[in-house]
Amino acid sequence: MKSFIIIKKYVLNVMISVDQLGNAVIGGDPDETISSVLGKLKQAGNGSISWAHPVSKLVDFFLEKIDKNHSTDAIEKDEGKNDLRNK
């Protein structure tokens, strides 16, 4: 059972690192996940992401189907300072 927990944590860690890499590749803060960015967009739009960001809106839509409130729960308030898109 202990090995299952370790494997589960390992997979989660790798998924988070891939998420952060994806955000860095598109000019975002390398320590912030795409989910956090989506949550911040959703907050700025009073609960929904604007169609000015169609890919973000679609990604968030599918994440919501998998995990309700995923993007808003994933917001990292202390991350985003190194986002190149806001410069």
PDB file of N, CA and C in Angstrom:
ATOM      1  N   MET A   1       0.818  -1.191   0.000  1.00  0.00           N
ATOM      2  CA  MET A   1       0.000   0.000   0.000  1.00  0.00           C
ATOM      3  C   MET A   1       0.863   1.256   0.000  1.00  0.00           C
ATOM      4  N   LYS A   2       1.961   1.228   0.742  1.00  0.00           N
ATOM      5  CA  LYS A   2       2.835   2.395   0.806  1.00  0.00           C
ATOM      6  C   LYS A   2       3.425   2.713  -0.570  1.00  0.00           C
ATOM      7  N   SER A   3       3.764   1.688  -1.338  1.00  0.00           N
ATOM      8  CA  SER A   3       4.326   1.923  -2.670  1.00  0.00           C
ATOM      9  C   SER A   3       3.290   2.555  -3.599  1.00  0.00           C
ATOM     10  N   PHE A   4       2.001   2.217  -3.434  1.00  0.00           N
ATOM     11  CA  PHE A   4       0.948   2.833  -4.238  1.00  0.00           C
ATOM     12  C   PHE A   4       0.859   4.324  -3.946  1.00  0.00           C
ATOM     13  N   ILE A   5       0.954   4.700  -2.684  1.00  0.00           N
ATOM     14  CA  ILE A   5       0.903   6.115  -2.293  1.00  0.00           C
ATOM     15  C   ILE A   5       2.099   6.865  -2.864  1.00  0.00           C
ATOM     16  N   ILE A   6       3.262   6.245  -2.840  1.00  0.00           N
ATOM     17  CA  ILE A   6       4.460   6.879  -3.397  1.00  0.00           C
ATOM     18  C   ILE A   6       4.313   7.060  -4.902  1.00  0.00           C
ATOM     19  N   ILE A   7       3.815   6.051  -5.587  1.00  0.00           N
ATOM     20  CA  ILE A   7       3.618   6.140  -7.045  1.00  0.00           C
ATOM     21  C   ILE A   7       2.592   7.220  -7.374  1.00  0.00           C
ATOM     22  N   LYS A   8       1.502   7.272  -6.614  1.00  0.00           N
ATOM     23  CA  LYS A   8       0.466   8.282  -6.829  1.00  0.00           C
ATOM     24  C   LYS A   8       1.045   9.689  -6.657  1.00  0.00           C
ATOM     25  N   LYS A   9       1.832   9.898  -5.621  1.00  0.00           N
ATOM     26  CA  LYS A   9       2.457  11.204  -5.373  1.00  0.00           C
ATOM     27  C   LYS A   9       3.449  11.531  -6.482  1.00  0.00           C
ATOM     28  N   TYR A  10       4.210  10.549  -6.932  1.00  0.00           N
ATOM     29  CA  TYR A  10       5.167  10.741  -8.021  1.00  0.00           C
ATOM     30  C   TYR A  10       4.449  11.206  -9.291  1.00  0.00           C
ATOM     31  N   VAL A  11       3.359  10.529  -9.642  1.00  0.00           N
ATOM     32  CA  VAL A  11       2.593  10.887 -10.844  1.00  0.00           C
ATOM     33  C   VAL A  11       2.036  12.299 -10.703  1.00  0.00           C
ATOM     34  N   LEU A  12       1.505  12.651  -9.547  1.00  0.00           N
ATOM     35  CA  LEU A  12       0.989  14.001  -9.312  1.00  0.00           C
ATOM     36  C   LEU A  12       2.098  15.039  -9.463  1.00  0.00           C
ATOM     37  N   ASN A  13       3.265  14.774  -8.895  1.00  0.00           N
ATOM     38  CA  ASN A  13       4.403  15.695  -9.010  1.00  0.00           C
ATOM     39  C   ASN A  13       4.807  15.906 -10.463  1.00  0.00           C
ATOM     40  N   VAL A  14       4.848  14.829 -11.235  1.00  0.00           N
ATOM     41  CA  VAL A  14       5.220  14.935 -12.653  1.00  0.00           C
ATOM     42  C   VAL A  14       4.159  15.723 -13.417  1.00  0.00           C
ATOM     43  N   MET A  15       2.885  15.486 -13.128  1.00  0.00           N
ATOM     44  CA  MET A  15       1.816  16.216 -13.810  1.00  0.00           C
ATOM     45  C   MET A  15       1.898  17.721 -13.507  1.00  0.00           C
ATOM     46  N   ILE A  16       2.185  18.070 -12.277  1.00  0.00           N
ATOM     47  CA  ILE A  16       2.317  19.487 -11.913  1.00  0.00           C
ATOM     48  C   ILE A  16       3.506  20.105 -12.633  1.00  0.00           C
ATOM     49  N   SER A  17       4.613  19.377 -12.715  1.00  0.00           N
ATOM     50  CA  SER A  17       5.794  19.928 -13.392  1.00  0.00           C
ATOM     51  C   SER A  17       5.543  20.124 -14.886  1.00  0.00           C
ATOM     52  N   VAL A  18       4.802  19.221 -15.513  1.00  0.00           N
ATOM     53  CA  VAL A  18       4.447  19.364 -16.929  1.00  0.00           C
ATOM     54  C   VAL A  18       3.534  20.576 -17.105  1.00  0.00           C
ATOM     55  N   ASP A  19       2.606  20.760 -16.181  1.00  0.00           N
ATOM     56  CA  ASP A  19       1.695  21.907 -16.198  1.00  0.00           C
ATOM     57  C   ASP A  19       2.486  23.214 -16.091  1.00  0.00           C
ATOM     58  N   GLN A  20       3.444  23.265 -15.187  1.00  0.00           N
ATOM     59  CA  GLN A  20       4.277  24.461 -15.029  1.00  0.00           C
ATOM     60  C   GLN A  20       5.140  24.687 -16.267  1.00  0.00           C
ATOM     61  N   LEU A  21       5.673  23.624 -16.841  1.00  0.00           N
ATOM     62  CA  LEU A  21       6.469  23.740 -18.060  1.00  0.00           C
ATOM     63  C   LEU A  21       5.621  24.318 -19.183  1.00  0.00           C
ATOM     64  N   GLY A  22       4.407  23.813 -19.327  1.00  0.00           N
ATOM     65  CA  GLY A  22       3.512  24.323 -20.363  1.00  0.00           C
ATOM     66  C   GLY A  22       3.256  25.810 -20.187  1.00  0.00           C
ATOM     67  N   ASN A  23       3.062  26.244 -18.971  1.00  0.00           N
ATOM     68  CA  ASN A  23       2.840  27.661 -18.698  1.00  0.00           C
ATOM     69  C   ASN A  23       4.086  28.480 -19.042  1.00  0.00           C
ATOM     70  N   ALA A  24       5.263  27.977 -18.704  1.00  0.00           N
ATOM     71  CA  ALA A  24       6.506  28.693 -19.014  1.00  0.00           C
ATOM     72  C   ALA A  24       6.733  28.786 -20.519  1.00  0.00           C
ATOM     73  N   VAL A  25       6.413  27.719 -21.245  1.00  0.00           N
ATOM     74  CA  VAL A  25       6.602  27.694 -22.703  1.00  0.00           C
ATOM     75  C   VAL A  25       5.760  28.779 -23.383  1.00  0.00           C
ATOM     76  N   ILE A  26       4.571  29.059 -22.844  1.00  0.00           N
ATOM     77  CA  ILE A  26       3.717  30.085 -23.455  1.00  0.00           C
ATOM     78  C   ILE A  26       3.947  31.476 -22.849  1.00  0.00           C
ATOM     79  N   GLY A  27       5.053  31.636 -22.103  1.00  0.00           N
ATOM     80  CA  GLY A  27       5.443  32.950 -21.587  1.00  0.00           C
ATOM     81  C   GLY A  27       5.007  33.237 -20.173  1.00  0.00           C
ATOM     82  N   GLY A  28       4.451  32.255 -19.504  1.00  0.00           N
ATOM     83  CA  GLY A  28       3.989  32.461 -18.135  1.00  0.00           C
ATOM     84  C   GLY A  28       5.074  32.243 -17.110  1.00  0.00           C
ATOM     85  N   ASP A  29       4.728  32.501 -15.861  1.00  0.00           N
ATOM     86  CA  ASP A  29       5.632  32.293 -14.735  1.00  0.00           C
ATOM     87  C   ASP A  29       5.965  30.795 -14.663  1.00  0.00           C
ATOM     88  N   PRO A  30       7.250  30.435 -14.655  1.00  0.00           N
ATOM     89  CA  PRO A  30       7.613  29.011 -14.660  1.00  0.00           C
ATOM     90  C   PRO A  30       7.255  28.278 -13.373  1.00  0.00           C
ATOM     91  N   ASP A  31       6.853  29.010 -12.336  1.00  0.00           N
ATOM     92  CA  ASP A  31       6.489  28.359 -11.083  1.00  0.00           C
ATOM     93  C   ASP A  31       4.972  28.352 -10.867  1.00  0.00           C
ATOM     94  N   GLU A  32       4.210  28.727 -11.903  1.00  0.00           N
ATOM     95  CA  GLU A  32       2.752  28.758 -11.787  1.00  0.00           C
ATOM     96  C   GLU A  32       2.141  27.769 -12.776  1.00  0.00           C
ATOM     97  N   THR A  33       1.083  27.111 -12.369  1.00  0.00           N
ATOM     98  CA  THR A  33       0.418  26.157 -13.258  1.00  0.00           C
ATOM     99  C   THR A  33      -0.563  26.880 -14.184  1.00  0.00           C
ATOM    100  N   ILE A  34      -0.858  26.236 -15.289  1.00  0.00           N
ATOM    101  CA  ILE A  34      -1.859  26.769 -16.220  1.00  0.00           C
ATOM    102  C   ILE A  34      -3.204  26.869 -15.507  1.00  0.00           C
ATOM    103  N   SER A  35      -3.502  25.922 -14.652  1.00  0.00           N
ATOM    104  CA  SER A  35      -4.764  25.944 -13.912  1.00  0.00           C
ATOM    105  C   SER A  35      -4.884  27.199 -13.061  1.00  0.00           C
ATOM    106  N   SER A  36      -3.798  27.610 -12.430  1.00  0.00           N
ATOM    107  CA  SER A  36      -3.798  28.830 -11.629  1.00  0.00           C
ATOM    108  C   SER A  36      -4.063  30.053 -12.497  1.00  0.00           C
ATOM    109  N   VAL A  37      -3.437  30.105 -13.660  1.00  0.00           N
ATOM    110  CA  VAL A  37      -3.646  31.217 -14.595  1.00  0.00           C
ATOM    111  C   VAL A  37      -5.112  31.259 -15.026  1.00  0.00           C
ATOM    112  N   LEU A  38      -5.686  30.098 -15.327  1.00  0.00           N
ATOM    113  CA  LEU A  38      -7.094  30.036 -15.713  1.00  0.00           C
ATOM    114  C   LEU A  38      -7.985  30.525 -14.579  1.00  0.00           C
ATOM    115  N   GLY A  39      -7.664  30.141 -13.362  1.00  0.00           N
ATOM    116  CA  GLY A  39      -8.448  30.587 -12.209  1.00  0.00           C
ATOM    117  C   GLY A  39      -8.400  32.093 -12.044  1.00  0.00           C
ATOM    118  N   LYS A  40      -7.226  32.678 -12.265  1.00  0.00           N
ATOM    119  CA  LYS A  40      -7.088  34.136 -12.162  1.00  0.00           C
ATOM    120  C   LYS A  40      -7.871  34.836 -13.273  1.00  0.00           C
ATOM    121  N   LEU A  41      -7.845  34.270 -14.477  1.00  0.00           N
ATOM    122  CA  LEU A  41      -8.651  34.826 -15.569  1.00  0.00           C
ATOM    123  C   LEU A  41     -10.139  34.761 -15.227  1.00  0.00           C
ATOM    124  N   LYS A  42     -10.532  33.650 -14.632  1.00  0.00           N
ATOM    125  CA  LYS A  42     -11.933  33.464 -14.264  1.00  0.00           C
ATOM    126  C   LYS A  42     -12.334  34.473 -13.189  1.00  0.00           C
ATOM    127  N   GLN A  43     -11.483  34.691 -12.203  1.00  0.00           N
ATOM    128  CA  GLN A  43     -11.765  35.674 -11.158  1.00  0.00           C
ATOM    129  C   GLN A  43     -11.881  37.078 -11.748  1.00  0.00           C
ATOM    130  N   ALA A  44     -10.966  37.415 -12.649  1.00  0.00           N
ATOM    131  CA  ALA A  44     -10.982  38.742 -13.271  1.00  0.00           C
ATOM    132  C   ALA A  44     -12.241  38.949 -14.101  1.00  0.00           C
ATOM    133  N   GLY A  45     -12.799  37.882 -14.623  1.00  0.00           N
ATOM    134  CA  GLY A  45     -14.009  37.951 -15.443  1.00  0.00           C
ATOM    135  C   GLY A  45     -15.274  37.702 -14.649  1.00  0.00           C
ATOM    136  N   ASN A  46     -15.200  37.879 -13.321  1.00  0.00           N
ATOM    137  CA  ASN A  46     -16.362  37.669 -12.446  1.00  0.00           C
ATOM    138  C   ASN A  46     -16.980  36.285 -12.598  1.00  0.00           C
ATOM    139  N   GLY A  47     -16.135  35.271 -12.640  1.00  0.00           N
ATOM    140  CA  GLY A  47     -16.626  33.898 -12.647  1.00  0.00           C
ATOM    141  C   GLY A  47     -16.610  33.188 -13.978  1.00  0.00           C
ATOM    142  N   SER A  48     -16.220  33.887 -15.042  1.00  0.00           N
ATOM    143  CA  SER A  48     -16.098  33.210 -16.334  1.00  0.00           C
ATOM    144  C   SER A  48     -14.947  33.822 -17.130  1.00  0.00           C
ATOM    145  N   ILE A  49     -14.379  33.021 -17.991  1.00  0.00           N
ATOM    146  CA  ILE A  49     -13.270  33.473 -18.831  1.00  0.00           C
ATOM    147  C   ILE A  49     -13.850  34.048 -20.114  1.00  0.00           C
ATOM    148  N   SER A  50     -13.370  35.212 -20.482  1.00  0.00           N
ATOM    149  CA  SER A  50     -13.853  35.909 -21.672  1.00  0.00           C
ATOM    150  C   SER A  50     -13.521  35.129 -22.943  1.00  0.00           C
ATOM    151  N   TRP A  51     -14.372  35.295 -23.961  1.00  0.00           N
ATOM    152  CA  TRP A  51     -14.097  34.679 -25.261  1.00  0.00           C
ATOM    153  C   TRP A  51     -12.910  35.349 -25.947  1.00  0.00           C
ATOM    154  N   ALA A  52     -12.346  36.410 -25.343  1.00  0.00           N
ATOM    155  CA  ALA A  52     -11.103  36.997 -25.856  1.00  0.00           C
ATOM    156  C   ALA A  52      -9.950  36.005 -25.669  1.00  0.00           C
ATOM    157  N   HIS A  53     -10.169  35.014 -24.817  1.00  0.00           N
ATOM    158  CA  HIS A  53      -9.192  33.938 -24.553  1.00  0.00           C
ATOM    159  C   HIS A  53      -9.855  32.601 -24.859  1.00  0.00           C
ATOM    160  N   PRO A  54     -10.139  32.311 -26.140  1.00  0.00           N
ATOM    161  CA  PRO A  54     -10.932  31.116 -26.465  1.00  0.00           C
ATOM    162  C   PRO A  54     -10.286  29.790 -26.060  1.00  0.00           C
ATOM    163  N   VAL A  55      -8.974  29.669 -26.210  1.00  0.00           N
ATOM    164  CA  VAL A  55      -8.314  28.412 -25.825  1.00  0.00           C
ATOM    165  C   VAL A  55      -8.404  28.229 -24.311  1.00  0.00           C
ATOM    166  N   SER A  56      -8.160  29.303 -23.582  1.00  0.00           N
ATOM    167  CA  SER A  56      -8.259  29.243 -22.120  1.00  0.00           C
ATOM    168  C   SER A  56      -9.668  28.872 -21.692  1.00  0.00           C
ATOM    169  N   LYS A  57     -10.653  29.433 -22.347  1.00  0.00           N
ATOM    170  CA  LYS A  57     -12.046  29.142 -22.023  1.00  0.00           C
ATOM    171  C   LYS A  57     -12.367  27.662 -22.258  1.00  0.00           C
ATOM    172  N   LEU A  58     -11.878  27.112 -23.349  1.00  0.00           N
ATOM    173  CA  LEU A  58     -12.131  25.700 -23.659  1.00  0.00           C
ATOM    174  C   LEU A  58     -11.390  24.760 -22.703  1.00  0.00           C
ATOM    175  N   VAL A  59     -10.126  25.077 -22.407  1.00  0.00           N
ATOM    176  CA  VAL A  59      -9.360  24.245 -21.474  1.00  0.00           C
ATOM    177  C   VAL A  59     -10.053  24.238 -20.111  1.00  0.00           C
ATOM    178  N   ASP A  60     -10.481  25.419 -19.667  1.00  0.00           N
ATOM    179  CA  ASP A  60     -11.169  25.511 -18.382  1.00  0.00           C
ATOM    180  C   ASP A  60     -12.477  24.720 -18.405  1.00  0.00           C
ATOM    181  N   PHE A  61     -13.207  24.787 -19.503  1.00  0.00           N
ATOM    182  CA  PHE A  61     -14.462  24.048 -19.635  1.00  0.00           C
ATOM    183  C   PHE A  61     -14.222  22.551 -19.420  1.00  0.00           C
ATOM    184  N   PHE A  62     -13.200  22.005 -20.065  1.00  0.00           N
ATOM    185  CA  PHE A  62     -12.931  20.568 -19.943  1.00  0.00           C
ATOM    186  C   PHE A  62     -12.389  20.205 -18.559  1.00  0.00           C
ATOM    187  N   LEU A  63     -11.558  21.082 -17.984  1.00  0.00           N
ATOM    188  CA  LEU A  63     -11.079  20.817 -16.623  1.00  0.00           C
ATOM    189  C   LEU A  63     -12.234  20.800 -15.623  1.00  0.00           C
ATOM    190  N   GLU A  64     -13.219  21.670 -15.836  1.00  0.00           N
ATOM    191  CA  GLU A  64     -14.393  21.711 -14.958  1.00  0.00           C
ATOM    192  C   GLU A  64     -15.194  20.414 -15.031  1.00  0.00           C
ATOM    193  N   LYS A  65     -15.203  19.785 -16.205  1.00  0.00           N
ATOM    194  CA  LYS A  65     -15.910  18.514 -16.363  1.00  0.00           C
ATOM    195  C   LYS A  65     -15.225  17.395 -15.576  1.00  0.00           C
ATOM    196  N   ILE A  66     -13.899  17.477 -15.495  1.00  0.00           N
ATOM    197  CA  ILE A  66     -13.121  16.461 -14.789  1.00  0.00           C
ATOM    198  C   ILE A  66     -13.106  16.724 -13.286  1.00  0.00           C
ATOM    199  N   ASP A  67     -12.952  18.005 -12.919  1.00  0.00           N
ATOM    200  CA  ASP A  67     -12.783  18.374 -11.511  1.00  0.00           C
ATOM    201  C   ASP A  67     -13.476  19.719 -11.278  1.00  0.00           C
ATOM    202  N   LYS A  68     -14.644  19.692 -10.668  1.00  0.00           N
ATOM    203  CA  LYS A  68     -15.431  20.901 -10.414  1.00  0.00           C
ATOM    204  C   LYS A  68     -14.602  21.938  -9.654  1.00  0.00           C
ATOM    205  N   ASN A  69     -14.641  23.181 -10.101  1.00  0.00           N
ATOM    206  CA  ASN A  69     -13.918  24.316  -9.495  1.00  0.00           C
ATOM    207  C   ASN A  69     -12.401  24.159  -9.550  1.00  0.00           C
ATOM    208  N   HIS A  70     -11.913  23.371 -10.498  1.00  0.00           N
ATOM    209  CA  HIS A  70     -10.485  23.082 -10.575  1.00  0.00           C
ATOM    210  C   HIS A  70      -9.645  24.360 -10.667  1.00  0.00           C
ATOM    211  N   SER A  71      -9.958  25.232 -11.601  1.00  0.00           N
ATOM    212  CA  SER A  71      -9.099  26.397 -11.816  1.00  0.00           C
ATOM    213  C   SER A  71      -9.150  27.371 -10.648  1.00  0.00           C
ATOM    214  N   THR A  72     -10.315  27.605 -10.088  1.00  0.00           N
ATOM    215  CA  THR A  72     -10.380  28.541  -8.959  1.00  0.00           C
ATOM    216  C   THR A  72      -9.718  27.940  -7.711  1.00  0.00           C
ATOM    217  N   ASP A  73      -9.824  26.634  -7.537  1.00  0.00           N
ATOM    218  CA  ASP A  73      -9.146  25.977  -6.412  1.00  0.00           C
ATOM    219  C   ASP A  73      -7.630  25.946  -6.595  1.00  0.00           C
ATOM    220  N   ALA A  74      -7.168  26.056  -7.843  1.00  0.00           N
ATOM    221  CA  ALA A  74      -5.736  25.951  -8.142  1.00  0.00           C
ATOM    222  C   ALA A  74      -5.011  27.295  -8.113  1.00  0.00           C
ATOM    223  N   ILE A  75      -5.720  28.379  -7.839  1.00  0.00           N
ATOM    224  CA  ILE A  75      -5.086  29.704  -7.857  1.00  0.00           C
ATOM    225  C   ILE A  75      -3.944  29.756  -6.857  1.00  0.00           C
ATOM    226  N   GLU A  76      -2.791  30.203  -7.359  1.00  0.00           N
ATOM    227  CA  GLU A  76      -1.604  30.395  -6.532  1.00  0.00           C
ATOM    228  C   GLU A  76      -1.372  31.906  -6.444  1.00  0.00           C
ATOM    229  N   LYS A  77      -1.876  32.513  -5.384  1.00  0.00           N
ATOM    230  CA  LYS A  77      -1.821  33.976  -5.252  1.00  0.00           C
ATOM    231  C   LYS A  77      -0.403  34.520  -5.205  1.00  0.00           C
ATOM    232  N   ASP A  78       0.525  33.710  -4.726  1.00  0.00           N
ATOM    233  CA  ASP A  78       1.908  34.166  -4.600  1.00  0.00           C
ATOM    234  C   ASP A  78       2.737  33.921  -5.857  1.00  0.00           C
ATOM    235  N   GLU A  79       2.121  33.412  -6.916  1.00  0.00           N
ATOM    236  CA  GLU A  79       2.841  33.145  -8.172  1.00  0.00           C
ATOM    237  C   GLU A  79       2.330  34.071  -9.277  1.00  0.00           C
ATOM    238  N   GLY A  80       3.127  34.206 -10.319  1.00  0.00           N
ATOM    239  CA  GLY A  80       2.728  35.005 -11.469  1.00  0.00           C
ATOM    240  C   GLY A  80       3.571  36.244 -11.682  1.00  0.00           C
ATOM    241  N   LYS A  81       4.449  36.529 -10.734  1.00  0.00           N
ATOM    242  CA  LYS A  81       5.287  37.730 -10.842  1.00  0.00           C
ATOM    243  C   LYS A  81       6.244  37.685 -12.034  1.00  0.00           C
ATOM    244  N   ASN A  82       6.596  36.483 -12.469  1.00  0.00           N
ATOM    245  CA  ASN A  82       7.537  36.329 -13.574  1.00  0.00           C
ATOM    246  C   ASN A  82       6.852  36.005 -14.902  1.00  0.00           C
ATOM    247  N   ASP A  83       5.575  36.348 -15.002  1.00  0.00           N
ATOM    248  CA  ASP A  83       4.805  36.116 -16.216  1.00  0.00           C
ATOM    249  C   ASP A  83       5.218  37.147 -17.260  1.00  0.00           C
ATOM    250  N   LEU A  84       5.760  36.698 -18.366  1.00  0.00           N
ATOM    251  CA  LEU A  84       6.239  37.600 -19.422  1.00  0.00           C
ATOM    252  C   LEU A  84       5.104  38.195 -20.255  1.00  0.00           C
ATOM    253  N   ARG A  85       3.930  37.607 -20.200  1.00  0.00           N
ATOM    254  CA  ARG A  85       2.807  38.088 -20.991  1.00  0.00           C
ATOM    255  C   ARG A  85       2.247  39.402 -20.468  1.00  0.00           C
ATOM    256  N   ASN A  86       2.526  39.732 -19.222  1.00  0.00           N
ATOM    257  CA  ASN A  86       1.995  40.964 -18.620  1.00  0.00           C
ATOM    258  C   ASN A  86       3.010  42.095 -18.623  1.00  0.00           C
ATOM    259  N   LYS A  87       4.083  41.934 -19.339  1.00  0.00           N
ATOM    260  CA  LYS A  87       5.134  42.959 -19.348  1.00  0.00           C
ATOM    261  C   LYS A  87       4.983  43.878 -20.529  1.00  0.00           C
TER     262      LYS A  87
END
